[in-house]
């Protein structure tokens, strides 16, 4: 999936979420709608994560989350 396709998927999922929430009755969402909303939110999270990883890879040559964590004492200070 390209970045444009990922963004289009995000837009579509957001619209589905808005539509679902607009159908909520005064008592809230039905159980089926709640499950659908949870599924939509999980898919949105996955798309945002994919987009973030792709952009990090393009900008930094890799995902910063995969970088080795070093203790503060080993990191050079910018104030030196």
Protein backbone atom coordinates (compact mmCIF):
# COMPACT_ATOMS: atom_id res chain seq x y z
CA UNK A 1 0.00 0.00 0.00
CA UNK A 2 1.44 3.37 -1.01
CA UNK A 3 1.33 6.46 1.21
CA UNK A 4 -1.52 7.88 -0.88
CA UNK A 5 -3.47 4.64 -0.50
CA UNK A 6 -2.81 4.62 3.23
CA UNK A 7 -4.05 8.22 3.54
CA UNK A 8 -7.15 7.36 1.47
CA UNK A 9 -7.83 4.38 3.76
CA UNK A 10 -7.46 6.61 6.83
CA UNK A 11 -9.91 9.14 5.35
CA UNK A 12 -12.40 6.36 4.55
CA UNK A 13 -12.15 4.86 8.04
CA UNK A 14 -12.62 8.27 9.65
CA UNK A 15 -15.75 8.86 7.56
CA UNK A 16 -17.09 5.43 8.56
CA UNK A 17 -16.45 6.26 12.21
CA UNK A 18 -18.25 9.61 11.90
CA UNK A 19 -21.23 7.93 10.23
CA UNK A 20 -21.38 5.24 12.87
CA UNK A 21 -21.26 7.78 15.70
CA UNK A 22 -23.94 9.93 14.05
CA UNK A 23 -26.33 6.95 14.05
CA UNK A 24 -26.01 6.52 17.81
CA UNK A 25 -29.32 6.78 19.59
CA UNK A 26 -29.89 8.74 22.77
CA UNK A 27 -28.85 5.66 24.74
CA UNK A 28 -25.57 5.26 22.84
CA UNK A 29 -24.35 2.70 20.36
CA UNK A 30 -25.77 -0.79 19.96
CA UNK A 31 -23.53 -3.71 20.85
CA UNK A 32 -22.92 -4.43 17.15
CA UNK A 33 -22.03 -0.79 16.48
CA UNK A 34 -19.69 -0.77 19.47
CA UNK A 35 -17.85 -3.80 18.07
CA UNK A 36 -17.70 -2.19 14.63
CA UNK A 37 -16.39 1.05 16.15
CA UNK A 38 -13.67 -0.84 18.01
CA UNK A 39 -12.67 -2.59 14.78
CA UNK A 40 -12.56 0.75 12.93
CA UNK A 41 -10.37 2.27 15.64
CA UNK A 42 -7.96 -0.69 15.55
CA UNK A 43 -7.68 -0.44 11.77
CA UNK A 44 -7.10 3.32 12.05
CA UNK A 45 -4.34 2.75 14.60
CA UNK A 46 -2.69 0.23 12.28
CA UNK A 47 -2.85 2.64 9.32
CA UNK A 48 -1.43 5.55 11.35
CA UNK A 49 1.38 3.29 12.63
CA UNK A 50 2.19 2.12 9.09
CA UNK A 51 2.26 5.72 7.88
CA UNK A 52 4.48 6.83 10.79
CA UNK A 53 6.93 3.97 10.20
CA UNK A 54 7.09 4.68 6.47
CA UNK A 55 7.76 8.37 7.01
CA UNK A 56 10.40 7.64 9.67
CA UNK A 57 12.08 5.18 7.35
CA UNK A 58 12.13 7.71 4.51
CA UNK A 59 13.42 10.53 6.74
CA UNK A 60 15.82 8.66 9.02
CA UNK A 61 16.63 5.53 7.04
CA UNK A 62 14.84 3.36 9.59
CA UNK A 63 12.25 3.33 12.32
CA UNK A 64 13.48 5.32 15.37
CA UNK A 65 11.51 2.93 17.59
CA UNK A 66 13.82 0.13 16.49
CA UNK A 67 16.94 2.04 17.52
CA UNK A 68 18.99 0.77 20.41
CA UNK A 69 18.31 2.71 23.60
CA UNK A 70 21.47 4.05 25.24
CA UNK A 71 21.80 5.23 28.83
CA UNK A 72 21.78 8.99 29.29
CA UNK A 73 25.37 8.87 30.59
CA UNK A 74 26.53 7.58 27.17
CA UNK A 75 24.79 10.26 25.14
CA UNK A 76 26.86 13.36 24.42
CA UNK A 77 25.54 16.61 25.76
CA UNK A 78 24.72 19.37 23.31
CA UNK A 79 25.77 21.92 25.93
CA UNK A 80 29.46 20.98 25.82
